[in-house]
Amino acid sequence: MTATPDITIYTKFLCGYCHRAKSLLKTKGAEFIEHDITFDSGLRREMADRSGGSGTVPQIFIGDVHIGGSDELAALEARGELDTLLAGTTPKTA
């Protein structure tokens, strides 16, 4: 049995893209850890380090896989690959 991967999402206050990504994850029943980087430069640096330098939000990680932002998460869903990734299996295109 594959363990459900940890999901981490870096967000900012009043970010529509962040809200969209969190809503999609919630509809999937996925629990996630949210780090609001609005006023936290340490978390902002952590996000940039984990994402390869990206400074935009959201930045989403499912297990060790860096998904990217809201658009990339929605694209995984559109291709039918998000459920596989949430179940702990890496899709071919992730």
N, C-alpha and C. Protein backbone atom coordinates (compact mmCIF):
# COMPACT_ATOMS: atom_id res chain seq x y z
N MET A 1 0.84 -1.19 0.00
CA MET A 1 0.00 0.00 0.00
C MET A 1 0.88 1.24 0.00
N THR A 2 0.57 2.18 -0.87
CA THR A 2 1.34 3.41 -0.98
C THR A 2 0.80 4.44 0.01
N ALA A 3 1.69 5.09 0.75
CA ALA A 3 1.28 6.11 1.71
C ALA A 3 0.86 7.37 0.96
N THR A 4 -0.13 8.05 1.51
CA THR A 4 -0.56 9.32 0.93
C THR A 4 0.55 10.34 1.15
N PRO A 5 0.97 11.03 0.10
CA PRO A 5 2.08 11.98 0.25
C PRO A 5 1.64 13.24 0.99
N ASP A 6 2.60 13.87 1.66
CA ASP A 6 2.35 15.16 2.28
C ASP A 6 2.18 16.21 1.18
N ILE A 7 1.26 17.11 1.39
CA ILE A 7 1.01 18.18 0.43
C ILE A 7 1.32 19.50 1.13
N THR A 8 2.15 20.31 0.50
CA THR A 8 2.51 21.61 1.03
C THR A 8 2.18 22.65 -0.03
N ILE A 9 1.54 23.74 0.41
CA ILE A 9 1.23 24.83 -0.50
C ILE A 9 1.64 26.15 0.15
N TYR A 10 2.45 26.91 -0.57
CA TYR A 10 2.88 28.23 -0.12
C TYR A 10 1.93 29.25 -0.74
N THR A 11 1.39 30.13 0.11
CA THR A 11 0.36 31.07 -0.33
C THR A 11 0.67 32.48 0.17
N LYS A 12 -0.14 33.43 -0.30
CA LYS A 12 -0.16 34.80 0.21
C LYS A 12 -1.60 35.20 0.48
N PHE A 13 -1.77 36.13 1.37
CA PHE A 13 -3.08 36.67 1.72
C PHE A 13 -3.76 37.28 0.49
N LEU A 14 -5.02 36.99 0.32
CA LEU A 14 -5.86 37.52 -0.77
C LEU A 14 -5.38 37.13 -2.18
N CYS A 15 -4.78 35.97 -2.30
CA CYS A 15 -4.31 35.49 -3.60
C CYS A 15 -5.38 34.61 -4.23
N GLY A 16 -5.95 35.05 -5.34
CA GLY A 16 -6.98 34.29 -6.03
C GLY A 16 -6.49 32.95 -6.56
N TYR A 17 -5.27 32.93 -7.05
CA TYR A 17 -4.70 31.67 -7.56
C TYR A 17 -4.50 30.67 -6.42
N CYS A 18 -4.11 31.18 -5.26
CA CYS A 18 -3.94 30.32 -4.09
C CYS A 18 -5.28 29.73 -3.68
N HIS A 19 -6.30 30.57 -3.67
CA HIS A 19 -7.65 30.11 -3.32
C HIS A 19 -8.11 29.02 -4.29
N ARG A 20 -7.87 29.24 -5.56
CA ARG A 20 -8.26 28.27 -6.59
C ARG A 20 -7.57 26.93 -6.38
N ALA A 21 -6.27 26.96 -6.11
CA ALA A 21 -5.52 25.72 -5.89
C ALA A 21 -6.01 25.00 -4.63
N LYS A 22 -6.21 25.74 -3.55
CA LYS A 22 -6.68 25.13 -2.31
C LYS A 22 -8.08 24.55 -2.49
N SER A 23 -8.93 25.23 -3.24
CA SER A 23 -10.28 24.73 -3.49
C SER A 23 -10.24 23.41 -4.24
N LEU A 24 -9.38 23.31 -5.25
CA LEU A 24 -9.25 22.06 -6.00
C LEU A 24 -8.78 20.93 -5.10
N LEU A 25 -7.78 21.20 -4.28
CA LEU A 25 -7.29 20.17 -3.37
C LEU A 25 -8.37 19.74 -2.38
N LYS A 26 -9.14 20.71 -1.90
CA LYS A 26 -10.22 20.40 -0.96
C LYS A 26 -11.30 19.54 -1.62
N THR A 27 -11.63 19.83 -2.88
CA THR A 27 -12.64 19.01 -3.56
C THR A 27 -12.16 17.57 -3.74
N LYS A 28 -10.85 17.38 -3.74
CA LYS A 28 -10.27 16.04 -3.84
C LYS A 28 -10.18 15.36 -2.48
N GLY A 29 -10.53 16.10 -1.43
CA GLY A 29 -10.43 15.54 -0.09
C GLY A 29 -9.00 15.49 0.42
N ALA A 30 -8.13 16.23 -0.20
CA ALA A 30 -6.71 16.23 0.15
C ALA A 30 -6.45 17.19 1.30
N GLU A 31 -5.74 16.70 2.30
CA GLU A 31 -5.30 17.56 3.39
C GLU A 31 -3.94 18.12 3.02
N PHE A 32 -3.72 19.38 3.37
CA PHE A 32 -2.45 20.01 3.02
C PHE A 32 -1.98 20.93 4.13
N ILE A 33 -0.69 21.19 4.10
CA ILE A 33 -0.08 22.14 5.01
C ILE A 33 0.08 23.44 4.23
N GLU A 34 -0.48 24.51 4.77
CA GLU A 34 -0.40 25.81 4.10
C GLU A 34 0.60 26.69 4.83
N HIS A 35 1.52 27.28 4.06
CA HIS A 35 2.47 28.25 4.60
C HIS A 35 2.17 29.60 3.95
N ASP A 36 1.66 30.54 4.74
CA ASP A 36 1.39 31.89 4.25
C ASP A 36 2.68 32.69 4.34
N ILE A 37 3.20 33.08 3.17
CA ILE A 37 4.48 33.78 3.12
C ILE A 37 4.32 35.30 3.10
N THR A 38 3.08 35.79 3.26
CA THR A 38 2.81 37.23 3.12
C THR A 38 3.78 38.08 3.93
N PHE A 39 3.97 37.75 5.19
CA PHE A 39 4.82 38.57 6.06
C PHE A 39 5.99 37.77 6.63
N ASP A 40 6.37 36.68 5.97
CA ASP A 40 7.42 35.81 6.51
C ASP A 40 8.52 35.59 5.48
N SER A 41 9.59 36.35 5.61
CA SER A 41 10.67 36.26 4.62
C SER A 41 11.39 34.91 4.69
N GLY A 42 11.43 34.30 5.86
CA GLY A 42 12.05 32.98 5.99
C GLY A 42 11.30 31.93 5.19
N LEU A 43 9.97 31.93 5.29
CA LEU A 43 9.16 31.00 4.49
C LEU A 43 9.26 31.32 3.01
N ARG A 44 9.38 32.59 2.68
CA ARG A 44 9.53 32.99 1.27
C ARG A 44 10.84 32.41 0.70
N ARG A 45 11.92 32.49 1.47
CA ARG A 45 13.20 31.92 1.03
C ARG A 45 13.09 30.39 0.92
N GLU A 46 12.44 29.78 1.91
CA GLU A 46 12.24 28.32 1.87
C GLU A 46 11.49 27.91 0.60
N MET A 47 10.43 28.65 0.27
CA MET A 47 9.65 28.36 -0.93
C MET A 47 10.52 28.50 -2.18
N ALA A 48 11.28 29.58 -2.24
CA ALA A 48 12.15 29.80 -3.40
C ALA A 48 13.19 28.70 -3.53
N ASP A 49 13.76 28.29 -2.41
CA ASP A 49 14.75 27.21 -2.45
C ASP A 49 14.13 25.90 -2.93
N ARG A 50 12.96 25.57 -2.40
CA ARG A 50 12.31 24.30 -2.77
C ARG A 50 11.83 24.30 -4.21
N SER A 51 11.44 25.48 -4.71
CA SER A 51 10.85 25.56 -6.05
C SER A 51 11.85 25.89 -7.15
N GLY A 52 13.10 25.95 -6.81
CA GLY A 52 14.11 26.27 -7.82
C GLY A 52 14.16 27.74 -8.17
N GLY A 53 13.77 28.59 -7.22
CA GLY A 53 13.88 30.03 -7.41
C GLY A 53 12.59 30.76 -7.69
N SER A 54 11.49 30.06 -7.79
CA SER A 54 10.23 30.72 -8.10
C SER A 54 9.77 31.61 -6.95
N GLY A 55 9.31 32.80 -7.29
CA GLY A 55 8.82 33.73 -6.27
C GLY A 55 7.33 33.95 -6.33
N THR A 56 6.64 33.26 -7.24
CA THR A 56 5.19 33.43 -7.37
C THR A 56 4.45 32.43 -6.50
N VAL A 57 3.23 32.79 -6.13
CA VAL A 57 2.40 31.88 -5.35
C VAL A 57 1.14 31.57 -6.12
N PRO A 58 0.55 30.42 -5.87
CA PRO A 58 1.03 29.42 -4.94
C PRO A 58 2.17 28.61 -5.53
N GLN A 59 2.91 27.97 -4.66
CA GLN A 59 3.87 26.94 -5.04
C GLN A 59 3.42 25.69 -4.32
N ILE A 60 3.19 24.62 -5.07
CA ILE A 60 2.57 23.41 -4.54
C ILE A 60 3.53 22.25 -4.67
N PHE A 61 3.62 21.47 -3.59
CA PHE A 61 4.44 20.28 -3.55
C PHE A 61 3.57 19.13 -3.08
N ILE A 62 3.61 18.04 -3.81
CA ILE A 62 2.91 16.82 -3.41
C ILE A 62 4.00 15.77 -3.23
N GLY A 63 4.23 15.41 -1.97
CA GLY A 63 5.38 14.57 -1.67
C GLY A 63 6.63 15.33 -2.07
N ASP A 64 7.52 14.69 -2.80
CA ASP A 64 8.75 15.33 -3.27
C ASP A 64 8.60 15.97 -4.64
N VAL A 65 7.40 15.94 -5.19
CA VAL A 65 7.16 16.46 -6.53
C VAL A 65 6.74 17.93 -6.46
N HIS A 66 7.50 18.80 -7.13
CA HIS A 66 7.15 20.21 -7.23
C HIS A 66 6.15 20.36 -8.37
N ILE A 67 4.92 20.68 -8.04
CA ILE A 67 3.87 20.82 -9.04
C ILE A 67 3.98 22.14 -9.77
N GLY A 68 4.29 23.20 -9.04
CA GLY A 68 4.28 24.54 -9.60
C GLY A 68 3.13 25.30 -8.99
N GLY A 69 2.40 26.03 -9.83
CA GLY A 69 1.31 26.86 -9.34
C GLY A 69 -0.06 26.29 -9.61
N SER A 70 -1.04 27.18 -9.50
CA SER A 70 -2.44 26.81 -9.67
C SER A 70 -2.72 26.27 -11.07
N ASP A 71 -2.14 26.89 -12.08
CA ASP A 71 -2.37 26.44 -13.46
C ASP A 71 -1.82 25.03 -13.69
N GLU A 72 -0.66 24.75 -13.13
CA GLU A 72 -0.07 23.42 -13.28
C GLU A 72 -0.89 22.36 -12.54
N LEU A 73 -1.41 22.74 -11.37
CA LEU A 73 -2.28 21.82 -10.62
C LEU A 73 -3.55 21.53 -11.41
N ALA A 74 -4.15 22.57 -11.98
CA ALA A 74 -5.37 22.40 -12.79
C ALA A 74 -5.08 21.55 -14.03
N ALA A 75 -3.90 21.72 -14.62
CA ALA A 75 -3.54 20.92 -15.80
C ALA A 75 -3.41 19.45 -15.44
N LEU A 76 -2.84 19.15 -14.27
CA LEU A 76 -2.77 17.76 -13.82
C LEU A 76 -4.17 17.17 -13.69
N GLU A 77 -5.07 17.95 -13.14
CA GLU A 77 -6.46 17.49 -12.99
C GLU A 77 -7.10 17.26 -14.35
N ALA A 78 -6.89 18.19 -15.28
CA ALA A 78 -7.48 18.08 -16.61
C ALA A 78 -6.98 16.84 -17.36
N ARG A 79 -5.72 16.47 -17.11
CA ARG A 79 -5.15 15.28 -17.76
C ARG A 79 -5.50 13.99 -17.01
N GLY A 80 -6.20 14.13 -15.88
CA GLY A 80 -6.58 12.96 -15.09
C GLY A 80 -5.43 12.38 -14.28
N GLU A 81 -4.41 13.19 -14.01
CA GLU A 81 -3.22 12.70 -13.32
C GLU A 81 -3.14 13.12 -11.86
N LEU A 82 -3.99 14.06 -11.45
CA LEU A 82 -3.90 14.56 -10.07
C LEU A 82 -4.25 13.47 -9.06
N ASP A 83 -5.29 12.70 -9.32
CA ASP A 83 -5.68 11.65 -8.38
C ASP A 83 -4.56 10.64 -8.19
N THR A 84 -3.87 10.30 -9.25
CA THR A 84 -2.75 9.36 -9.17
C THR A 84 -1.65 9.92 -8.28
N LEU A 85 -1.33 11.18 -8.47
CA LEU A 85 -0.28 11.81 -7.67
C LEU A 85 -0.71 11.91 -6.21
N LEU A 86 -1.96 12.25 -5.95
CA LEU A 86 -2.46 12.35 -4.59
C LEU A 86 -2.46 10.99 -3.90
N ALA A 87 -2.58 9.93 -4.68
CA ALA A 87 -2.57 8.57 -4.13
C ALA A 87 -1.15 8.08 -3.83
N GLY A 88 -0.15 8.86 -4.21
CA GLY A 88 1.22 8.49 -3.91
C GLY A 88 1.99 7.89 -5.07
N THR A 89 1.42 7.94 -6.27
CA THR A 89 2.09 7.44 -7.45
C THR A 89 2.39 8.61 -8.37
N THR A 90 3.60 8.67 -8.89
CA THR A 90 3.99 9.78 -9.76
C THR A 90 3.49 9.54 -11.18
N PRO A 91 2.66 10.48 -11.71
CA PRO A 91 2.25 10.34 -13.11
C PRO A 91 3.43 10.52 -14.05
N LYS A 92 3.29 10.06 -15.26
CA LYS A 92 4.39 10.13 -16.23
C LYS A 92 4.83 11.54 -16.54
N THR A 93 3.91 12.54 -16.47
CA THR A 93 4.26 13.89 -16.89
C THR A 93 4.56 14.82 -15.73
N ALA A 94 4.50 14.38 -14.49
CA ALA A 94 4.73 15.28 -13.36
C ALA A 94 6.20 15.62 -13.24
